[in-house]
All heavy atoms as atom14 arrays in JSON, in Angstrom:
{
  "sequence": "YQGRIDEAEELYASLCARASPLGLLPEQ",
  "atom14_mask": [
    [1, 1, 1, 1, 1, 1, 1, 1, 1, 1, 1, 1, 0, 0],
    [1, 1, 1, 1, 1, 1, 1, 1, 1, 0, 0, 0, 0, 0],
    [1, 1, 1, 1, 0, 0, 0, 0, 0, 0, 0, 0, 0, 0],
    [1, 1, 1, 1, 1, 1, 1, 1, 1, 1, 1, 0, 0, 0],
    [1, 1, 1, 1, 1, 1, 1, 1, 0, 0, 0, 0, 0, 0],
    [1, 1, 1, 1, 1, 1, 1, 1, 0, 0, 0, 0, 0, 0],
    [1, 1, 1, 1, 1, 1, 1, 1, 1, 0, 0, 0, 0, 0],
    [1, 1, 1, 1, 1, 0, 0, 0, 0, 0, 0, 0, 0, 0],
    [1, 1, 1, 1, 1, 1, 1, 1, 1, 0, 0, 0, 0, 0],
    [1, 1, 1, 1, 1, 1, 1, 1, 1, 0, 0, 0, 0, 0],
    [1, 1, 1, 1, 1, 1, 1, 1, 0, 0, 0, 0, 0, 0],
    [1, 1, 1, 1, 1, 1, 1, 1, 1, 1, 1, 1, 0, 0],
    [1, 1, 1, 1, 1, 0, 0, 0, 0, 0, 0, 0, 0, 0],
    [1, 1, 1, 1, 1, 1, 0, 0, 0, 0, 0, 0, 0, 0],
    [1, 1, 1, 1, 1, 1, 1, 1, 0, 0, 0, 0, 0, 0],
    [1, 1, 1, 1, 1, 1, 0, 0, 0, 0, 0, 0, 0, 0],
    [1, 1, 1, 1, 1, 0, 0, 0, 0, 0, 0, 0, 0, 0],
    [1, 1, 1, 1, 1, 1, 1, 1, 1, 1, 1, 0, 0, 0],
    [1, 1, 1, 1, 1, 0, 0, 0, 0, 0, 0, 0, 0, 0],
    [1, 1, 1, 1, 1, 1, 0, 0, 0, 0, 0, 0, 0, 0],
    [1, 1, 1, 1, 1, 1, 1, 0, 0, 0, 0, 0, 0, 0],
    [1, 1, 1, 1, 1, 1, 1, 1, 0, 0, 0, 0, 0, 0],
    [1, 1, 1, 1, 0, 0, 0, 0, 0, 0, 0, 0, 0, 0],
    [1, 1, 1, 1, 1, 1, 1, 1, 0, 0, 0, 0, 0, 0],
    [1, 1, 1, 1, 1, 1, 1, 1, 0, 0, 0, 0, 0, 0],
    [1, 1, 1, 1, 1, 1, 1, 0, 0, 0, 0, 0, 0, 0],
    [1, 1, 1, 1, 1, 1, 1, 1, 1, 0, 0, 0, 0, 0],
    [1, 1, 1, 1, 1, 1, 1, 1, 1, 0, 0, 0, 0, 0]
  ],
  "atom14_positions": [
    [[5.32, 10.31, -8.47], [5.47, 11.47, -9.41], [6.73, 12.29, -9.13], [7.27, 13.02, -10.0], [4.2, 12.29, -9.46], [2.99, 11.56, -10.07], [1.72, 11.9, -9.62], [3.16, 10.61, -11.04], [0.65, 11.35, -10.18], [2.03, 9.99, -11.61], [0.8, 10.27, -11.13], [-0.31, 9.64, -11.71], [0.0, 0.0, 0.0], [0.0, 0.0, 0.0]],
    [[7.06, 12.36, -7.88], [8.33, 13.07, -7.47], [9.56, 12.32, -7.82], [10.71, 12.86, -7.61], [8.27, 13.41, -5.99], [7.21, 14.41, -5.65], [7.06, 14.59, -4.13], [7.96, 14.26, -3.37], [5.9, 15.15, -3.62], [0.0, 0.0, 0.0], [0.0, 0.0, 0.0], [0.0, 0.0, 0.0], [0.0, 0.0, 0.0], [0.0, 0.0, 0.0]],
    [[9.43, 11.11, -8.24], [10.65, 10.28, -8.47], [11.24, 9.59, -7.32], [12.25, 8.94, -7.37], [0.0, 0.0, 0.0], [0.0, 0.0, 0.0], [0.0, 0.0, 0.0], [0.0, 0.0, 0.0], [0.0, 0.0, 0.0], [0.0, 0.0, 0.0], [0.0, 0.0, 0.0], [0.0, 0.0, 0.0], [0.0, 0.0, 0.0], [0.0, 0.0, 0.0]],
    [[10.49, 9.55, -6.16], [10.96, 8.95, -5.01], [10.37, 7.51, -4.98], [9.52, 7.23, -4.11], [10.52, 9.72, -3.74], [11.2, 11.12, -3.78], [10.41, 12.09, -3.01], [10.46, 11.74, -1.5], [9.81, 12.4, -0.52], [9.15, 13.62, -0.93], [9.85, 12.09, 0.7], [0.0, 0.0, 0.0], [0.0, 0.0, 0.0], [0.0, 0.0, 0.0]],
    [[10.85, 6.73, -5.93], [10.19, 5.45, -6.18], [10.4, 4.47, -4.95], [9.42, 3.71, -4.68], [10.86, 4.75, -7.51], [10.69, 5.81, -8.58], [10.15, 3.45, -7.82], [9.27, 6.18, -8.94], [0.0, 0.0, 0.0], [0.0, 0.0, 0.0], [0.0, 0.0, 0.0], [0.0, 0.0, 0.0], [0.0, 0.0, 0.0], [0.0, 0.0, 0.0]],
    [[11.57, 4.4, -4.46], [11.72, 3.45, -3.28], [10.74, 3.69, -2.14], [10.17, 2.75, -1.56], [13.19, 3.45, -2.76], [14.13, 2.93, -3.8], [13.72, 2.21, -4.67], [15.37, 3.19, -3.58], [0.0, 0.0, 0.0], [0.0, 0.0, 0.0], [0.0, 0.0, 0.0], [0.0, 0.0, 0.0], [0.0, 0.0, 0.0], [0.0, 0.0, 0.0]],
    [[10.58, 4.97, -1.82], [9.6, 5.34, -0.78], [8.2, 5.02, -1.13], [7.45, 4.6, -0.36], [9.84, 6.87, -0.45], [11.05, 7.3, 0.14], [11.24, 8.77, 0.26], [10.52, 9.38, 1.11], [11.99, 9.38, -0.56], [0.0, 0.0, 0.0], [0.0, 0.0, 0.0], [0.0, 0.0, 0.0], [0.0, 0.0, 0.0], [0.0, 0.0, 0.0]],
    [[7.83, 5.25, -2.4], [6.59, 4.96, -2.85], [6.3, 3.53, -2.83], [5.15, 3.0, -2.35], [6.36, 5.57, -4.2], [0.0, 0.0, 0.0], [0.0, 0.0, 0.0], [0.0, 0.0, 0.0], [0.0, 0.0, 0.0], [0.0, 0.0, 0.0], [0.0, 0.0, 0.0], [0.0, 0.0, 0.0], [0.0, 0.0, 0.0], [0.0, 0.0, 0.0]],
    [[7.26, 2.69, -3.3], [7.06, 1.23, -3.27], [6.86, 0.71, -1.83], [6.05, -0.12, -1.58], [8.19, 0.59, -3.95], [8.36, 0.78, -5.44], [9.46, 0.09, -6.04], [10.6, 0.09, -5.42], [9.35, -0.42, -7.17], [0.0, 0.0, 0.0], [0.0, 0.0, 0.0], [0.0, 0.0, 0.0], [0.0, 0.0, 0.0], [0.0, 0.0, 0.0]],
    [[7.65, 1.32, -0.93], [7.6, 0.8, 0.43], [6.21, 1.13, 1.03], [5.59, 0.36, 1.68], [8.73, 1.5, 1.35], [8.69, 1.02, 2.73], [9.81, 1.71, 3.51], [10.6, 2.48, 2.95], [9.86, 1.44, 4.82], [0.0, 0.0, 0.0], [0.0, 0.0, 0.0], [0.0, 0.0, 0.0], [0.0, 0.0, 0.0], [0.0, 0.0, 0.0]],
    [[5.71, 2.43, 0.83], [4.37, 2.86, 1.26], [3.33, 1.96, 0.67], [2.41, 1.48, 1.35], [4.23, 4.27, 1.01], [2.81, 4.93, 1.41], [2.52, 4.59, 2.9], [2.83, 6.3, 1.1], [0.0, 0.0, 0.0], [0.0, 0.0, 0.0], [0.0, 0.0, 0.0], [0.0, 0.0, 0.0], [0.0, 0.0, 0.0], [0.0, 0.0, 0.0]],
    [[3.38, 1.7, -0.65], [2.41, 0.91, -1.38], [2.26, -0.49, -0.81], [1.26, -0.98, -0.62], [2.7, 0.98, -2.82], [1.69, 0.22, -3.71], [0.39, 0.66, -3.86], [2.08, -0.92, -4.5], [-0.53, -0.01, -4.64], [1.2, -1.6, -5.25], [-0.13, -1.13, -5.3], [-1.05, -1.83, -6.09], [0.0, 0.0, 0.0], [0.0, 0.0, 0.0]],
    [[3.46, -1.03, -0.68], [3.5, -2.4, -0.16], [2.82, -2.51, 1.29], [2.15, -3.41, 1.63], [4.89, -3.01, -0.09], [0.0, 0.0, 0.0], [0.0, 0.0, 0.0], [0.0, 0.0, 0.0], [0.0, 0.0, 0.0], [0.0, 0.0, 0.0], [0.0, 0.0, 0.0], [0.0, 0.0, 0.0], [0.0, 0.0, 0.0], [0.0, 0.0, 0.0]],
    [[3.14, -1.47, 2.17], [2.63, -1.53, 3.52], [1.11, -1.3, 3.53], [0.39, -1.9, 4.34], [3.22, -0.41, 4.38], [2.76, 0.93, 3.9], [0.0, 0.0, 0.0], [0.0, 0.0, 0.0], [0.0, 0.0, 0.0], [0.0, 0.0, 0.0], [0.0, 0.0, 0.0], [0.0, 0.0, 0.0], [0.0, 0.0, 0.0], [0.0, 0.0, 0.0]],
    [[0.62, -0.58, 2.62], [-0.86, -0.35, 2.46], [-1.54, -1.62, 2.03], [-2.63, -2.08, 2.51], [-1.2, 0.81, 1.56], [-0.71, 2.16, 2.06], [-0.97, 3.25, 0.94], [-1.46, 2.61, 3.3], [0.0, 0.0, 0.0], [0.0, 0.0, 0.0], [0.0, 0.0, 0.0], [0.0, 0.0, 0.0], [0.0, 0.0, 0.0], [0.0, 0.0, 0.0]],
    [[-0.99, -2.27, 0.91], [-1.55, -3.53, 0.41], [-1.57, -4.57, 1.51], [-2.43, -5.48, 1.48], [-0.79, -3.95, -0.81], [-0.96, -2.83, -2.22], [0.0, 0.0, 0.0], [0.0, 0.0, 0.0], [0.0, 0.0, 0.0], [0.0, 0.0, 0.0], [0.0, 0.0, 0.0], [0.0, 0.0, 0.0], [0.0, 0.0, 0.0], [0.0, 0.0, 0.0]],
    [[-0.53, -4.59, 2.36], [-0.46, -5.54, 3.42], [-1.61, -5.51, 4.42], [-1.81, -6.39, 5.23], [0.94, -5.58, 4.08], [0.0, 0.0, 0.0], [0.0, 0.0, 0.0], [0.0, 0.0, 0.0], [0.0, 0.0, 0.0], [0.0, 0.0, 0.0], [0.0, 0.0, 0.0], [0.0, 0.0, 0.0], [0.0, 0.0, 0.0], [0.0, 0.0, 0.0]],
    [[-2.3, -4.32, 4.4], [-3.39, -4.14, 5.36], [-4.68, -4.76, 4.88], [-5.67, -4.73, 5.65], [-3.58, -2.66, 5.66], [-2.46, -2.04, 6.5], [-2.64, -0.6, 6.87], [-1.57, -0.03, 7.64], [-1.43, -0.15, 8.92], [-2.4, -0.81, 9.57], [-0.48, 0.4, 9.64], [0.0, 0.0, 0.0], [0.0, 0.0, 0.0], [0.0, 0.0, 0.0]],
    [[-4.75, -5.23, 3.68], [-5.95, -5.89, 3.14], [-6.23, -7.1, 3.97], [-5.41, -7.69, 4.57], [-5.7, -6.23, 1.68], [0.0, 0.0, 0.0], [0.0, 0.0, 0.0], [0.0, 0.0, 0.0], [0.0, 0.0, 0.0], [0.0, 0.0, 0.0], [0.0, 0.0, 0.0], [0.0, 0.0, 0.0], [0.0, 0.0, 0.0], [0.0, 0.0, 0.0]],
    [[-7.49, -7.5, 3.98], [-7.94, -8.73, 4.73], [-7.32, -9.93, 3.96], [-6.79, -9.81, 2.78], [-9.43, -8.82, 4.76], [-9.91, -9.19, 3.47], [0.0, 0.0, 0.0], [0.0, 0.0, 0.0], [0.0, 0.0, 0.0], [0.0, 0.0, 0.0], [0.0, 0.0, 0.0], [0.0, 0.0, 0.0], [0.0, 0.0, 0.0], [0.0, 0.0, 0.0]],
    [[-7.41, -11.1, 4.57], [-6.85, -12.28, 3.85], [-7.62, -12.51, 2.5], [-7.07, -13.19, 1.6], [-7.22, -13.44, 4.83], [-7.17, -12.77, 6.13], [-7.72, -11.4, 5.91], [0.0, 0.0, 0.0], [0.0, 0.0, 0.0], [0.0, 0.0, 0.0], [0.0, 0.0, 0.0], [0.0, 0.0, 0.0], [0.0, 0.0, 0.0], [0.0, 0.0, 0.0]],
    [[-8.75, -12.02, 2.37], [-9.52, -12.03, 1.07], [-9.17, -10.9, 0.11], [-9.6, -10.85, -1.0], [-11.0, -12.02, 1.27], [-11.54, -13.35, 1.84], [-13.08, -13.09, 2.22], [-11.41, -14.48, 0.94], [0.0, 0.0, 0.0], [0.0, 0.0, 0.0], [0.0, 0.0, 0.0], [0.0, 0.0, 0.0], [0.0, 0.0, 0.0], [0.0, 0.0, 0.0]],
    [[-8.31, -9.95, 0.52], [-7.92, -8.87, -0.34], [-8.81, -7.71, -0.4], [-8.75, -6.9, -1.25], [0.0, 0.0, 0.0], [0.0, 0.0, 0.0], [0.0, 0.0, 0.0], [0.0, 0.0, 0.0], [0.0, 0.0, 0.0], [0.0, 0.0, 0.0], [0.0, 0.0, 0.0], [0.0, 0.0, 0.0], [0.0, 0.0, 0.0], [0.0, 0.0, 0.0]],
    [[-9.64, -7.52, 0.73], [-10.61, -6.54, 0.8], [-10.16, -5.32, 1.76], [-9.5, -5.63, 2.76], [-11.93, -7.03, 1.31], [-12.61, -8.16, 0.41], [-13.87, -8.69, 1.05], [-12.89, -7.68, -1.07], [0.0, 0.0, 0.0], [0.0, 0.0, 0.0], [0.0, 0.0, 0.0], [0.0, 0.0, 0.0], [0.0, 0.0, 0.0], [0.0, 0.0, 0.0]],
    [[-10.56, -4.1, 1.46], [-10.12, -3.03, 2.29], [-11.35, -2.16, 2.64], [-12.33, -2.05, 1.9], [-9.12, -2.1, 1.43], [-7.74, -2.61, 1.31], [-6.99, -1.9, 0.23], [-6.94, -2.39, 2.7], [0.0, 0.0, 0.0], [0.0, 0.0, 0.0], [0.0, 0.0, 0.0], [0.0, 0.0, 0.0], [0.0, 0.0, 0.0], [0.0, 0.0, 0.0]],
    [[-11.25, -1.55, 3.85], [-12.31, -0.72, 4.36], [-12.13, 0.72, 3.81], [-11.13, 1.06, 3.2], [-12.19, -0.81, 5.8], [-10.63, -0.84, 5.97], [-10.16, -1.59, 4.79], [0.0, 0.0, 0.0], [0.0, 0.0, 0.0], [0.0, 0.0, 0.0], [0.0, 0.0, 0.0], [0.0, 0.0, 0.0], [0.0, 0.0, 0.0], [0.0, 0.0, 0.0]],
    [[-13.04, 1.63, 4.27], [-12.79, 3.09, 4.14], [-11.68, 3.59, 5.06], [-10.92, 4.39, 4.64], [-14.15, 3.72, 4.44], [-13.97, 5.32, 4.34], [-15.31, 5.98, 4.87], [-15.93, 5.52, 5.78], [-15.64, 7.01, 4.28], [0.0, 0.0, 0.0], [0.0, 0.0, 0.0], [0.0, 0.0, 0.0], [0.0, 0.0, 0.0], [0.0, 0.0, 0.0]],
    [[-11.77, 3.13, 6.31], [-10.83, 3.72, 7.32], [-10.29, 2.49, 8.2], [-10.86, 1.47, 8.2], [-11.53, 4.66, 8.26], [-12.07, 5.86, 7.56], [-12.67, 6.9, 8.5], [-12.38, 6.97, 9.73], [-13.62, 7.69, 8.03], [0.0, 0.0, 0.0], [0.0, 0.0, 0.0], [0.0, 0.0, 0.0], [0.0, 0.0, 0.0], [0.0, 0.0, 0.0]]
  ]
}
C-alpha cells in the first residue's frame, strides 16, 4: 500500500517459502 512493491514482493516470497512441502503453514 505504500508503493514499495519490490520490498513487498521479496518479503511475500520469503514467507511463502516457509510453507511445508505440502503448502501448509503454522501459527508461529
